[in-house]
C-alpha atoms as a PDB file:
ATOM      1  CA  UNK A   1      -0.108   0.073  -0.145  1.00  0.00           C
ATOM      2  CA  UNK A   2       1.203   3.543  -0.592  1.00  0.00           C
ATOM      3  CA  UNK A   3      -0.329   6.844   1.284  1.00  0.00           C
ATOM      4  CA  UNK A   4      -2.280   7.516  -1.950  1.00  0.00           C
ATOM      5  CA  UNK A   5      -4.561   4.179  -0.568  1.00  0.00           C
ATOM      6  CA  UNK A   6      -5.381   5.961   2.605  1.00  0.00           C
ATOM      7  CA  UNK A   7      -6.740   9.530   0.860  1.00  0.00           C
ATOM      8  CA  UNK A   8     -10.125  10.824  -0.122  1.00  0.00           C
ATOM      9  CA  UNK A   9     -11.037  14.202  -1.296  1.00  0.00           C
ATOM     10  CA  UNK A  10     -14.040  15.923   0.082  1.00  0.00           C
ATOM     11  CA  UNK A  11     -16.673  15.674  -2.236  1.00  0.00           C
ATOM     12  CA  UNK A  12     -16.077  11.901  -2.878  1.00  0.00           C
ATOM     13  CA  UNK A  13     -19.263   9.981  -2.008  1.00  0.00           C
ATOM     14  CA  UNK A  14     -19.735   7.439   1.038  1.00  0.00           C
ATOM     15  CA  UNK A  15     -19.732   4.636  -1.562  1.00  0.00           C
ATOM     16  CA  UNK A  16     -16.443   5.728  -2.968  1.00  0.00           C
ATOM     17  CA  UNK A  17     -14.813   6.491   0.493  1.00  0.00           C
ATOM     18  CA  UNK A  18     -15.982   2.953   1.454  1.00  0.00           C
ATOM     19  CA  UNK A  19     -13.902   1.475  -0.998  1.00  0.00           C
ATOM     20  CA  UNK A  20     -11.151   2.991  -0.646  1.00  0.00           C
ATOM     21  CA  UNK A  21     -11.326   1.868   3.274  1.00  0.00           C
ATOM     22  CA  UNK A  22     -11.689  -1.619   1.985  1.00  0.00           C
ATOM     23  CA  UNK A  23      -9.241  -1.413  -0.418  1.00  0.00           C
ATOM     24  CA  UNK A  24      -6.542  -0.177   2.094  1.00  0.00           C
ATOM     25  CA  UNK A  25      -7.828  -2.525   4.491  1.00  0.00           C
ATOM     26  CA  UNK A  26      -7.245  -0.497   7.492  1.00  0.00           C
ATOM     27  CA  UNK A  27     -10.435   0.743   8.292  1.00  0.00           C
ATOM     28  CA  UNK A  28      -9.204   4.078   7.827  1.00  0.00           C
ATOM     29  CA  UNK A  29      -9.177   7.083   5.269  1.00  0.00           C
ATOM     30  CA  UNK A  30      -8.001  10.841   5.649  1.00  0.00           C
ATOM     31  CA  UNK A  31      -9.800  13.484   3.751  1.00  0.00           C
ATOM     32  CA  UNK A  32      -7.052  15.895   1.981  1.00  0.00           C
ATOM     33  CA  UNK A  33      -7.433  19.224   0.600  1.00  0.00           C
ATOM     34  CA  UNK A  34      -5.109  20.510  -2.063  1.00  0.00           C
ATOM     35  CA  UNK A  35      -2.854  17.486   0.024  1.00  0.00           C
ATOM     36  CA  UNK A  36      -3.477  19.486   3.668  1.00  0.00           C
ATOM     37  CA  UNK A  37      -5.066  16.797   6.022  1.00  0.00           C
ATOM     38  CA  UNK A  38      -8.498  18.093   7.007  1.00  0.00           C
ATOM     39  CA  UNK A  39     -10.717  15.411   8.484  1.00  0.00           C
ATOM     40  CA  UNK A  40     -10.583  11.616   8.922  1.00  0.00           C
ATOM     41  CA  UNK A  41     -13.187   9.206   8.706  1.00  0.00           C
ATOM     42  CA  UNK A  42     -13.414   5.259   9.785  1.00  0.00           C
ATOM     43  CA  UNK A  43     -15.589   2.214   8.183  1.00  0.00           C
ATOM     44  CA  UNK A  44     -17.184   2.982  11.810  1.00  0.00           C
ATOM     45  CA  UNK A  45     -18.293   6.306  10.929  1.00  0.00           C
ATOM     46  CA  UNK A  46     -19.589   5.218   7.396  1.00  0.00           C
ATOM     47  CA  UNK A  47     -21.440   2.184   9.166  1.00  0.00           C
ATOM     48  CA  UNK A  48     -23.219   4.561  12.091  1.00  0.00           C
ATOM     49  CA  UNK A  49     -24.203   7.442   9.316  1.00  0.00           C
ATOM     50  CA  UNK A  50     -26.064   4.349   7.280  1.00  0.00           C
ATOM     51  CA  UNK A  51     -27.821   2.962  10.254  1.00  0.00           C
ATOM     52  CA  UNK A  52     -29.189   6.916  10.779  1.00  0.00           C
ATOM     53  CA  UNK A  53     -30.062   6.890   7.554  1.00  0.00           C
ATOM     54  CA  UNK A  54     -27.605   8.783   5.320  1.00  0.00           C
ATOM     55  CA  UNK A  55     -27.256   7.647   1.724  1.00  0.00           C
ATOM     56  CA  UNK A  56     -24.910   6.237   0.328  1.00  0.00           C
ATOM     57  CA  UNK A  57     -24.278   8.774  -2.552  1.00  0.00           C
ATOM     58  CA  UNK A  58     -23.734  11.304   0.355  1.00  0.00           C
ATOM     59  CA  UNK A  59     -20.551  13.303   0.003  1.00  0.00           C
ATOM     60  CA  UNK A  60     -17.622  12.039   2.937  1.00  0.00           C
ATOM     61  CA  UNK A  61     -17.451  15.258   4.317  1.00  0.00           C
ATOM     62  CA  UNK A  62     -21.003  15.523   6.040  1.00  0.00           C
ATOM     63  CA  UNK A  63     -20.060  12.427   8.309  1.00  0.00           C
ATOM     64  CA  UNK A  64     -16.290  13.242   8.662  1.00  0.00           C
ATOM     65  CA  UNK A  65     -13.915  14.085  11.412  1.00  0.00           C
ATOM     66  CA  UNK A  66     -12.717  17.329  11.103  1.00  0.00           C
ATOM     67  CA  UNK A  67     -10.635  17.680  14.170  1.00  0.00           C
ATOM     68  CA  UNK A  68      -8.701  14.400  13.565  1.00  0.00           C
ATOM     69  CA  UNK A  69      -5.885  13.201  15.618  1.00  0.00           C
ATOM     70  CA  UNK A  70      -2.540  13.666  14.207  1.00  0.00           C
ATOM     71  CA  UNK A  71       1.382  14.165  15.233  1.00  0.00           C
ATOM     72  CA  UNK A  72       4.016  16.182  13.175  1.00  0.00           C
ATOM     73  CA  UNK A  73       7.266  14.662  12.015  1.00  0.00           C
ATOM     74  CA  UNK A  74       9.748  15.626  14.809  1.00  0.00           C
ATOM     75  CA  UNK A  75       6.799  14.223  17.078  1.00  0.00           C
ATOM     76  CA  UNK A  76       6.696  10.815  15.540  1.00  0.00           C
ATOM     77  CA  UNK A  77       7.897   8.787  18.354  1.00  0.00           C
ATOM     78  CA  UNK A  78       4.520   9.251  20.644  1.00  0.00           C
ATOM     79  CA  UNK A  79       2.459   7.731  17.974  1.00  0.00           C
ATOM     80  CA  UNK A  80       1.669   4.473  20.152  1.00  0.00           C
ATOM     81  CA  UNK A  81       1.194   6.662  22.654  1.00  0.00           C
ATOM     82  CA  UNK A  82      -1.515   8.921  21.343  1.00  0.00           C
ATOM     83  CA  UNK A  83      -3.467   5.959  19.627  1.00  0.00           C
ATOM     84  CA  UNK A  84      -4.201   4.579  22.454  1.00  0.00           C
ATOM     85  CA  UNK A  85      -4.974   7.057  24.407  1.00  0.00           C
ATOM     86  CA  UNK A  86      -7.254   8.524  21.382  1.00  0.00           C
ATOM     87  CA  UNK A  87      -8.405   5.224  20.899  1.00  0.00           C
ATOM     88  CA  UNK A  88      -7.687   5.531  17.038  1.00  0.00           C
ATOM     89  CA  UNK A  89      -6.465   2.796  15.002  1.00  0.00           C
ATOM     90  CA  UNK A  90      -4.528   4.821  12.674  1.00  0.00           C
ATOM     91  CA  UNK A  91      -2.090   8.119  13.172  1.00  0.00           C
ATOM     92  CA  UNK A  92      -1.316  10.551  10.162  1.00  0.00           C
ATOM     93  CA  UNK A  93       2.164  11.646  10.413  1.00  0.00           C
ATOM     94  CA  UNK A  94       2.519  15.598   8.894  1.00  0.00           C
ATOM     95  CA  UNK A  95       4.948  17.993   7.514  1.00  0.00           C
ATOM     96  CA  UNK A  96       5.151  21.653   8.448  1.00  0.00           C
ATOM     97  CA  UNK A  97       2.765  22.194   5.445  1.00  0.00           C
ATOM     98  CA  UNK A  98       0.456  19.929   6.854  1.00  0.00           C
ATOM     99  CA  UNK A  99       0.913  17.254   3.931  1.00  0.00           C
ATOM    100  CA  UNK A 100       0.482  13.363   5.602  1.00  0.00           C
ATOM    101  CA  UNK A 101       4.077  11.709   4.938  1.00  0.00           C
ATOM    102  CA  UNK A 102       3.170   8.812   6.751  1.00  0.00           C
ATOM    103  CA  UNK A 103       0.534   6.549   9.019  1.00  0.00           C
ATOM    104  CA  UNK A 104       1.137   4.905  11.915  1.00  0.00           C
ATOM    105  CA  UNK A 105      -0.955   1.977  12.870  1.00  0.00           C
ATOM    106  CA  UNK A 106      -1.720   0.590  16.032  1.00  0.00           C
ATOM    107  CA  UNK A 107      -2.864  -2.859  14.659  1.00  0.00           C
ATOM    108  CA  UNK A 108       0.416  -3.387  12.269  1.00  0.00           C
ATOM    109  CA  UNK A 109      -1.419  -6.812  11.018  1.00  0.00           C
ATOM    110  CA  UNK A 110      -4.043  -5.358   9.130  1.00  0.00           C
ATOM    111  CA  UNK A 111      -1.505  -3.485   6.905  1.00  0.00           C
ATOM    112  CA  UNK A 112       0.591  -6.470   5.824  1.00  0.00           C
ATOM    113  CA  UNK A 113       0.733  -6.467   1.923  1.00  0.00           C
ATOM    114  CA  UNK A 114       0.028  -9.666   0.235  1.00  0.00           C
ATOM    115  CA  UNK A 115       3.942 -11.019  -0.267  1.00  0.00           C
ATOM    116  CA  UNK A 116       5.346 -13.727  -1.714  1.00  0.00           C
ATOM    117  CA  UNK A 117       9.052 -13.046  -0.663  1.00  0.00           C
ATOM    118  CA  UNK A 118      10.295 -16.760  -0.796  1.00  0.00           C
ATOM    119  CA  UNK A 119      13.382 -15.562   0.745  1.00  0.00           C
ATOM    120  CA  UNK A 120      15.236 -17.912   3.343  1.00  0.00           C
ATOM    121  CA  UNK A 121      15.040 -16.981   7.256  1.00  0.00           C
ATOM    122  CA  UNK A 122      17.814 -17.861   9.381  1.00  0.00           C
ATOM    123  CA  UNK A 123      17.500 -17.469  13.120  1.00  0.00           C
ATOM    124  CA  UNK A 124      20.245 -17.223  15.836  1.00  0.00           C
ATOM    125  CA  UNK A 125      19.013 -19.348  18.586  1.00  0.00           C
ATOM    126  CA  UNK A 126      22.218 -20.415  19.913  1.00  0.00           C
ATOM    127  CA  UNK A 127      23.301 -18.347  22.631  1.00  0.00           C
ATOM    128  CA  UNK A 128      22.549 -19.199  26.505  1.00  0.00           C
ATOM    129  CA  UNK A 129      20.527 -16.099  26.912  1.00  0.00           C
ATOM    130  CA  UNK A 130      22.324 -15.076  30.482  1.00  0.00           C
ATOM    131  CA  UNK A 131      20.507 -11.733  30.431  1.00  0.00           C
ATOM    132  CA  UNK A 132      17.270 -13.684  31.087  1.00  0.00           C
ATOM    133  CA  UNK A 133      18.164 -15.666  33.716  1.00  0.00           C
ATOM    134  CA  UNK A 134      16.244 -17.682  36.008  1.00  0.00           C
ATOM    135  CA  UNK A 135      13.943 -18.465  33.011  1.00  0.00           C
ATOM    136  CA  UNK A 136      16.820 -19.695  30.110  1.00  0.00           C
ATOM    137  CA  UNK A 137      18.324 -21.677  33.494  1.00  0.00           C
ATOM    138  CA  UNK A 138      14.768 -23.831  32.519  1.00  0.00           C
ATOM    139  CA  UNK A 139      14.616 -22.696  29.287  1.00  0.00           C
ATOM    140  CA  UNK A 140      16.496 -22.106  26.492  1.00  0.00           C
ATOM    141  CA  UNK A 141      15.859 -18.317  25.085  1.00  0.00           C
ATOM    142  CA  UNK A 142      14.133 -19.332  21.712  1.00  0.00           C
ATOM    143  CA  UNK A 143      11.496 -20.916  23.936  1.00  0.00           C
ATOM    144  CA  UNK A 144      10.594 -18.299  25.979  1.00  0.00           C
ATOM    145  CA  UNK A 145       6.505 -17.900  26.179  1.00  0.00           C
ATOM    146  CA  UNK A 146       5.006 -14.466  24.906  1.00  0.00           C
ATOM    147  CA  UNK A 147       1.470 -14.977  25.550  1.00  0.00           C
ATOM    148  CA  UNK A 148       0.362 -18.647  24.196  1.00  0.00           C
ATOM    149  CA  UNK A 149       3.369 -18.823  21.556  1.00  0.00           C
ATOM    150  CA  UNK A 150       7.275 -18.710  22.524  1.00  0.00           C
ATOM    151  CA  UNK A 151       9.271 -15.491  20.874  1.00  0.00           C
ATOM    152  CA  UNK A 152      10.831 -18.036  18.063  1.00  0.00           C
ATOM    153  CA  UNK A 153       7.124 -18.787  16.693  1.00  0.00           C
ATOM    154  CA  UNK A 154       6.198 -15.340  16.858  1.00  0.00           C
ATOM    155  CA  UNK A 155       9.077 -14.322  14.847  1.00  0.00           C
ATOM    156  CA  UNK A 156       8.359 -17.414  12.275  1.00  0.00           C
ATOM    157  CA  UNK A 157       4.694 -16.625  12.179  1.00  0.00           C
ATOM    158  CA  UNK A 158       5.365 -12.393  10.960  1.00  0.00           C
ATOM    159  CA  UNK A 159       7.861 -13.987   8.273  1.00  0.00           C
ATOM    160  CA  UNK A 160       5.201 -16.228   6.933  1.00  0.00           C
ATOM    161  CA  UNK A 161       2.905 -13.397   6.583  1.00  0.00           C
ATOM    162  CA  UNK A 162       5.323 -12.210   4.041  1.00  0.00           C
ATOM    163  CA  UNK A 163       5.506 -15.012   2.356  1.00  0.00           C
ATOM    164  CA  UNK A 164       8.620 -16.525   3.940  1.00  0.00           C
ATOM    165  CA  UNK A 165       8.670 -20.005   5.377  1.00  0.00           C
ATOM    166  CA  UNK A 166      11.835 -21.426   4.719  1.00  0.00           C
ATOM    167  CA  UNK A 167      13.596 -21.127   8.434  1.00  0.00           C
ATOM    168  CA  UNK A 168      17.135 -22.307   9.529  1.00  0.00           C
ATOM    169  CA  UNK A 169      17.449 -22.112  13.014  1.00  0.00           C
ATOM    170  CA  UNK A 170      21.293 -22.277  14.664  1.00  0.00           C
ATOM    171  CA  UNK A 171      21.120 -23.924  17.748  1.00  0.00           C
ATOM    172  CA  UNK A 172      23.570 -25.457  21.036  1.00  0.00           C
ATOM    173  CA  UNK A 173      22.149 -23.876  24.053  1.00  0.00           C
ATOM    174  CA  UNK A 174      19.567 -26.602  25.566  1.00  0.00           C
ATOM    175  CA  UNK A 175      19.446 -27.462  21.611  1.00  0.00           C
ATOM    176  CA  UNK A 176      17.387 -31.039  22.283  1.00  0.00           C
ATOM    177  CA  UNK A 177      14.961 -28.703  24.167  1.00  0.00           C
ATOM    178  CA  UNK A 178      14.152 -26.832  20.786  1.00  0.00           C
ATOM    179  CA  UNK A 179      14.419 -29.629  18.725  1.00  0.00           C
ATOM    180  CA  UNK A 180      11.981 -31.667  20.395  1.00  0.00           C
ATOM    181  CA  UNK A 181       9.448 -28.558  20.680  1.00  0.00           C
ATOM    182  CA  UNK A 182       9.211 -27.912  16.910  1.00  0.00           C
ATOM    183  CA  UNK A 183       9.607 -31.549  15.647  1.00  0.00           C
ATOM    184  CA  UNK A 184       6.665 -33.399  18.315  1.00  0.00           C
ATOM    185  CA  UNK A 185       4.624 -33.974  15.574  1.00  0.00           C
ATOM    186  CA  UNK A 186       1.358 -33.858  18.008  1.00  0.00           C
ATOM    187  CA  UNK A 187       1.892 -30.515  19.294  1.00  0.00           C
ATOM    188  CA  UNK A 188       3.065 -29.137  15.794  1.00  0.00           C
ATOM    189  CA  UNK A 189      -0.424 -29.781  14.238  1.00  0.00           C
ATOM    190  CA  UNK A 190      -2.025 -28.072  17.650  1.00  0.00           C
ATOM    191  CA  UNK A 191       0.507 -24.599  16.630  1.00  0.00           C
ATOM    192  CA  UNK A 192      -1.015 -23.623  13.050  1.00  0.00           C
ATOM    193  CA  UNK A 193       1.952 -20.817  13.331  1.00  0.00           C
ATOM    194  CA  UNK A 194       4.859 -23.383  13.532  1.00  0.00           C
ATOM    195  CA  UNK A 195       6.452 -23.925  10.149  1.00  0.00           C
ATOM    196  CA  UNK A 196       8.390 -26.822   8.833  1.00  0.00           C
ATOM    197  CA  UNK A 197      12.486 -25.551  10.934  1.00  0.00           C
ATOM    198  CA  UNK A 198      15.632 -26.876   9.317  1.00  0.00           C
ATOM    199  CA  UNK A 199      18.144 -27.078  12.923  1.00  0.00           C
ATOM    200  CA  UNK A 200      21.848 -26.562  11.949  1.00  0.00           C
ATOM    201  CA  UNK A 201      23.558 -27.385  15.100  1.00  0.00           C
ATOM    202  CA  UNK A 202      26.881 -26.002  16.607  1.00  0.00           C
ATOM    203  CA  UNK A 203      29.032 -27.790  18.047  1.00  0.00           C
ATOM    204  CA  UNK A 204      31.015 -25.211  19.916  1.00  0.00           C
ATOM    205  CA  UNK A 205      29.610 -21.734  20.613  1.00  0.00           C
ATOM    206  CA  UNK A 206      31.215 -19.303  17.464  1.00  0.00           C
ATOM    207  CA  UNK A 207      29.485 -16.432  18.244  1.00  0.00           C
ATOM    208  CA  UNK A 208      26.914 -13.860  16.673  1.00  0.00           C
ATOM    209  CA  UNK A 209      28.737 -14.358  13.343  1.00  0.00           C
ATOM    210  CA  UNK A 210      30.268 -17.722  13.549  1.00  0.00           C
ATOM    211  CA  UNK A 211      27.081 -19.953  13.097  1.00  0.00           C
ATOM    212  CA  UNK A 212      26.102 -18.199  10.323  1.00  0.00           C
ATOM    213  CA  UNK A 213      28.894 -19.709   8.406  1.00  0.00           C
ATOM    214  CA  UNK A 214      27.136 -23.377   9.282  1.00  0.00           C
ATOM    215  CA  UNK A 215      24.655 -22.409   6.834  1.00  0.00           C
ATOM    216  CA  UNK A 216      27.106 -21.471   3.734  1.00  0.00           C
ATOM    217  CA  UNK A 217      26.222 -24.661   1.929  1.00  0.00           C
ATOM    218  CA  UNK A 218      22.411 -24.617   2.752  1.00  0.00           C
ATOM    219  CA  UNK A 219      21.394 -20.926   1.881  1.00  0.00           C
ATOM    220  CA  UNK A 220      22.322 -19.910  -1.494  1.00  0.00           C
ATOM    221  CA  UNK A 221      20.218 -16.797  -2.060  1.00  0.00           C
ATOM    222  CA  UNK A 222      19.779 -13.437  -0.244  1.00  0.00           C
ATOM    223  CA  UNK A 223      18.692 -13.825   2.960  1.00  0.00           C
ATOM    224  CA  UNK A 224      16.737 -12.616   6.425  1.00  0.00           C
ATOM    225  CA  UNK A 225      18.545 -12.638   9.431  1.00  0.00           C
ATOM    226  CA  UNK A 226      17.295 -12.615  12.965  1.00  0.00           C
ATOM    227  CA  UNK A 227      17.995 -13.084  16.589  1.00  0.00           C
ATOM    228  CA  UNK A 228      15.501 -15.245  18.324  1.00  0.00           C
ATOM    229  CA  UNK A 229      15.136 -12.407  20.807  1.00  0.00           C
ATOM    230  CA  UNK A 230      13.724  -9.770  19.009  1.00  0.00           C
ATOM    231  CA  UNK A 231      10.247  -8.327  16.864  1.00  0.00           C
ATOM    232  CA  UNK A 232      10.593  -6.473  13.882  1.00  0.00           C
ATOM    233  CA  UNK A 233       6.868  -4.319  12.752  1.00  0.00           C
ATOM    234  CA  UNK A 234       7.986  -3.383   9.314  1.00  0.00           C
ATOM    235  CA  UNK A 235       7.129  -4.305   5.682  1.00  0.00           C
ATOM    236  CA  UNK A 236       9.871  -6.585   4.875  1.00  0.00           C
ATOM    237  CA  UNK A 237       8.734  -6.957   1.718  1.00  0.00           C
ATOM    238  CA  UNK A 238      10.353  -2.930   1.842  1.00  0.00           C
ATOM    239  CA  UNK A 239      13.510  -3.837   3.853  1.00  0.00           C
ATOM    240  CA  UNK A 240      14.275  -6.868   1.072  1.00  0.00           C
ATOM    241  CA  UNK A 241      13.643  -4.079  -2.157  1.00  0.00           C
ATOM    242  CA  UNK A 242      16.151  -1.533  -0.743  1.00  0.00           C
ATOM    243  CA  UNK A 243      18.285  -4.104  -0.016  1.00  0.00           C
ATOM    244  CA  UNK A 244      18.515  -5.249  -3.480  1.00  0.00           C
ATOM    245  CA  UNK A 245      18.306  -1.490  -5.183  1.00  0.00           C
ATOM    246  CA  UNK A 246      20.809  -0.506  -3.230  1.00  0.00           C
ATOM    247  CA  UNK A 247      23.266  -3.895  -4.066  1.00  0.00           C
ATOM    248  CA  UNK A 248      24.382  -3.955  -0.312  1.00  0.00           C
ATOM    249  CA  UNK A 249      25.793  -7.188   1.110  1.00  0.00           C
ATOM    250  CA  UNK A 250      24.042  -6.483   4.378  1.00  0.00           C
ATOM    251  CA  UNK A 251      21.972  -4.130   5.139  1.00  0.00           C
ATOM    252  CA  UNK A 252      21.104  -3.960   8.560  1.00  0.00           C
ATOM    253  CA  UNK A 253      18.118  -2.681  10.186  1.00  0.00           C
ATOM    254  CA  UNK A 254      18.559   0.031  13.027  1.00  0.00           C
ATOM    255  CA  UNK A 255      16.166   1.939  15.515  1.00  0.00           C
ATOM    256  CA  UNK A 256      16.708   5.221  16.184  1.00  0.00           C
ATOM    257  CA  UNK A 257      16.594   6.065  19.855  1.00  0.00           C
ATOM    258  CA  UNK A 258      16.387   9.138  21.834  1.00  0.00           C
ATOM    259  CA  UNK A 259      17.869   9.428  25.252  1.00  0.00           C
ATOM    260  CA  UNK A 260      16.752  12.234  27.884  1.00  0.00           C
ATOM    261  CA  UNK A 261      19.520  12.740  30.498  1.00  0.00           C
ATOM    262  CA  UNK A 262      17.395  13.272  33.315  1.00  0.00           C
ATOM    263  CA  UNK A 263      20.522  16.100  34.849  1.00  0.00           C
ATOM    264  CA  UNK A 264      21.852  19.089  34.051  1.00  0.00           C
ATOM    265  CA  UNK A 265      25.238  18.613  32.879  1.00  0.00           C
ATOM    266  CA  UNK A 266      28.538  20.669  33.284  1.00  0.00           C
ATOM    267  CA  UNK A 267      31.197  20.632  30.460  1.00  0.00           C
ATOM    268  CA  UNK A 268      34.419  21.593  31.311  1.00  0.00           C
ATOM    269  CA  UNK A 269      37.534  22.902  30.103  1.00  0.00           C
ATOM    270  CA  UNK A 270      40.751  22.092  30.164  1.00  0.00           C
ATOM    271  CA  UNK A 271      41.817  23.238  33.195  1.00  0.00           C
ATOM    272  CA  UNK A 272      38.736  22.155  34.884  1.00  0.00           C
ATOM    273  CA  UNK A 273      36.962  25.151  34.898  1.00  0.00           C
ATOM    274  CA  UNK A 274      33.339  25.368  34.238  1.00  0.00           C
ATOM    275  CA  UNK A 275      32.632  26.723  30.005  1.00  0.00           C
ATOM    276  CA  UNK A 276      29.032  25.524  30.108  1.00  0.00           C
ATOM    277  CA  UNK A 277      25.496  23.956  30.777  1.00  0.00           C
ATOM    278  CA  UNK A 278      23.176  22.123  29.602  1.00  0.00           C
ATOM    279  CA  UNK A 279      20.216  20.863  31.506  1.00  0.00           C
ATOM    280  CA  UNK A 280      18.905  17.699  30.450  1.00  0.00           C
ATOM    281  CA  UNK A 281      20.376  17.037  27.211  1.00  0.00           C
ATOM    282  CA  UNK A 282      18.904  14.966  24.873  1.00  0.00           C
ATOM    283  CA  UNK A 283      20.992  12.549  22.376  1.00  0.00           C
ATOM    284  CA  UNK A 284      20.057  10.440  19.064  1.00  0.00           C
ATOM    285  CA  UNK A 285      21.556   7.582  18.094  1.00  0.00           C
ATOM    286  CA  UNK A 286      20.768   4.402  16.240  1.00  0.00           C
ATOM    287  CA  UNK A 287      20.663   1.028  17.289  1.00  0.00           C
ATOM    288  CA  UNK A 288      21.660  -2.723  15.665  1.00  0.00           C
ATOM    289  CA  UNK A 289      18.277  -4.049  16.066  1.00  0.00           C
ATOM    290  CA  UNK A 290      19.319  -7.677  15.215  1.00  0.00           C
ATOM    291  CA  UNK A 291      17.871  -8.286  11.968  1.00  0.00           C
ATOM    292  CA  UNK A 292      19.292  -8.189   8.650  1.00  0.00           C
ATOM    293  CA  UNK A 293      19.064  -8.809   4.946  1.00  0.00           C
ATOM    294  CA  UNK A 294      22.340 -10.864   3.443  1.00  0.00           C
ATOM    295  CA  UNK A 295      24.028 -12.033   0.425  1.00  0.00           C
ATOM    296  CA  UNK A 296      25.490 -15.391   0.140  1.00  0.00           C
ATOM    297  CA  UNK A 297      28.913 -13.327  -0.722  1.00  0.00           C
ATOM    298  CA  UNK A 298      28.764 -12.430   2.718  1.00  0.00           C
ATOM    299  CA  UNK A 299      29.339 -15.880   3.760  1.00  0.00           C
ATOM    300  CA  UNK A 300      32.466 -16.151   2.174  1.00  0.00           C
ATOM    301  CA  UNK A 301      34.348 -13.806   4.611  1.00  0.00           C
ATOM    302  CA  UNK A 302      33.585 -15.408   7.666  1.00  0.00           C
ATOM    303  CA  UNK A 303      36.350 -17.968   9.068  1.00  0.00           C
ATOM    304  CA  UNK A 304      35.102 -21.188   9.491  1.00  0.00           C
ATOM    305  CA  UNK A 305      34.955 -22.700  12.358  1.00  0.00           C
ATOM    306  CA  UNK A 306      35.790 -19.684  14.190  1.00  0.00           C
ATOM    307  CA  UNK A 307      34.503 -17.591  17.344  1.00  0.00           C
ATOM    308  CA  UNK A 308      33.744 -14.236  15.518  1.00  0.00           C
ATOM    309  CA  UNK A 309      30.605 -11.667  16.358  1.00  0.00           C
ATOM    310  CA  UNK A 310      28.916 -10.575  13.540  1.00  0.00           C
ATOM    311  CA  UNK A 311      29.906  -7.069  13.797  1.00  0.00           C
ATOM    312  CA  UNK A 312      33.357  -7.778  13.582  1.00  0.00           C
ATOM    313  CA  UNK A 313      32.750  -9.209   9.856  1.00  0.00           C
ATOM    314  CA  UNK A 314      30.266  -6.497   9.178  1.00  0.00           C
ATOM    315  CA  UNK A 315      33.757  -4.174   9.688  1.00  0.00           C
ATOM    316  CA  UNK A 316      36.179  -6.376   7.056  1.00  0.00           C
ATOM    317  CA  UNK A 317      33.326  -5.959   5.112  1.00  0.00           C
ATOM    318  CA  UNK A 318      33.441  -2.094   5.281  1.00  0.00           C
ATOM    319  CA  UNK A 319      37.237  -2.073   5.209  1.00  0.00           C
ATOM    320  CA  UNK A 320      37.401  -4.141   2.056  1.00  0.00           C
ATOM    321  CA  UNK A 321      34.928  -1.575   0.405  1.00  0.00           C
ATOM    322  CA  UNK A 322      31.524  -3.567  -0.013  1.00  0.00           C
ATOM    323  CA  UNK A 323      28.472  -1.949   0.234  1.00  0.00           C
ATOM    324  CA  UNK A 324      26.904  -2.249   3.812  1.00  0.00           C
ATOM    325  CA  UNK A 325      23.133  -0.506   4.288  1.00  0.00           C
ATOM    326  CA  UNK A 326      20.732   0.359   6.581  1.00  0.00           C
ATOM    327  CA  UNK A 327      17.154   0.322   6.812  1.00  0.00           C
ATOM    328  CA  UNK A 328      15.836   2.532   9.426  1.00  0.00           C
ATOM    329  CA  UNK A 329      12.835   2.120  11.736  1.00  0.00           C
ATOM    330  CA  UNK A 330      11.009   3.598  14.518  1.00  0.00           C
ATOM    331  CA  UNK A 331      11.646   2.955  18.145  1.00  0.00           C
ATOM    332  CA  UNK A 332       8.671   1.846  18.530  1.00  0.00           C
ATOM    333  CA  UNK A 333       8.908  -0.574  15.655  1.00  0.00           C
ATOM    334  CA  UNK A 334      11.732  -2.761  17.297  1.00  0.00           C
ATOM    335  CA  UNK A 335      10.636  -5.023  20.428  1.00  0.00           C
ATOM    336  CA  UNK A 336      13.734  -6.516  22.310  1.00  0.00           C
ATOM    337  CA  UNK A 337      13.189  -9.302  24.992  1.00  0.00           C
ATOM    338  CA  UNK A 338      16.937  -9.555  25.495  1.00  0.00           C
ATOM    339  CA  UNK A 339      16.298  -8.829  29.398  1.00  0.00           C
ATOM    340  CA  UNK A 340      13.677  -9.426  31.702  1.00  0.00           C
ATOM    341  CA  UNK A 341      12.579  -5.806  32.274  1.00  0.00           C
ATOM    342  CA  UNK A 342      12.247  -5.363  28.057  1.00  0.00           C
ATOM    343  CA  UNK A 343      10.705  -8.514  27.962  1.00  0.00           C
ATOM    344  CA  UNK A 344       7.970  -7.620  30.072  1.00  0.00           C
ATOM    345  CA  UNK A 345       7.430  -4.752  27.987  1.00  0.00           C
ATOM    346  CA  UNK A 346       7.051  -6.915  24.926  1.00  0.00           C
ATOM    347  CA  UNK A 347       4.367  -8.449  26.764  1.00  0.00           C
ATOM    348  CA  UNK A 348       2.746  -5.219  27.425  1.00  0.00           C
ATOM    349  CA  UNK A 349       3.093  -3.890  23.872  1.00  0.00           C
ATOM    350  CA  UNK A 350       1.757  -6.881  22.500  1.00  0.00           C
ATOM    351  CA  UNK A 351      -1.115  -6.598  24.517  1.00  0.00           C
ATOM    352  CA  UNK A 352      -0.384 -10.390  26.288  1.00  0.00           C
END
């Protein structure tokens, strides 16, 4: 979907508006005048008006909400909070001229395009998950439940919605538990989200990069790589498309983080004298989410049977002049359960 699939004009009839809403499958449309946002309308607004006897040929301006919720680009990180506060499912993001430049959605599953990416997916699931102790003393991190499914099932479920069904899971710590969970035929019949998984076993811990080399003879095309403790809410088809267009050897999905220091800070000169004060300074930076798109040529740069982190391999690519790219997502589109506090946040954000 593109932005135009969510936009209607004031003169369009309720019938025409409903066709737009049905097509974009989000339950919403936005009324624009010369490209400027002026109102919003939902499928519920249309249904209620029809129950009052309003004719389907009535212009949408007669029932639209001319005080819609919105945010400007610089405030966009507040989108999820505002949608929950205002009980809206879709929120337009505007530029300084009040033109819609993006739309955020409370329920992102309604937006998924009909994709048939068919790209292989490699899931790094071999670590000990020490930051999730004591849970991981009993269960390996890939089997930690988030609601009624394991985190790994949530990851695979998202990929399957984009047409990915070929999964490779690199396992080591408590690997027999992981294999038993996914291979058990009886249980697998009960879990519709589970797709067949190819297990790739590490004989020793090879780090976040070394284990990937084990799929070198199995994966011969562009593939997704994901940590087993993160969820990314984005258009995977768009990520893959940008990766291909830019001809990257690897694309790192990064999230923008904004951190405000809750104290006034002091800047010192060379002699220790105070030269400036900053009250609660804010810093913006980009973090590696642990989600990648990778070309097979990247695997050739990994030493076999060596303990190495993926960041070391990426730095090698940069030194050798390879194209290393990024795809940026908002902080709210990245959920990480690598620590107990973040696990609880993930459950809360997913309503589980």
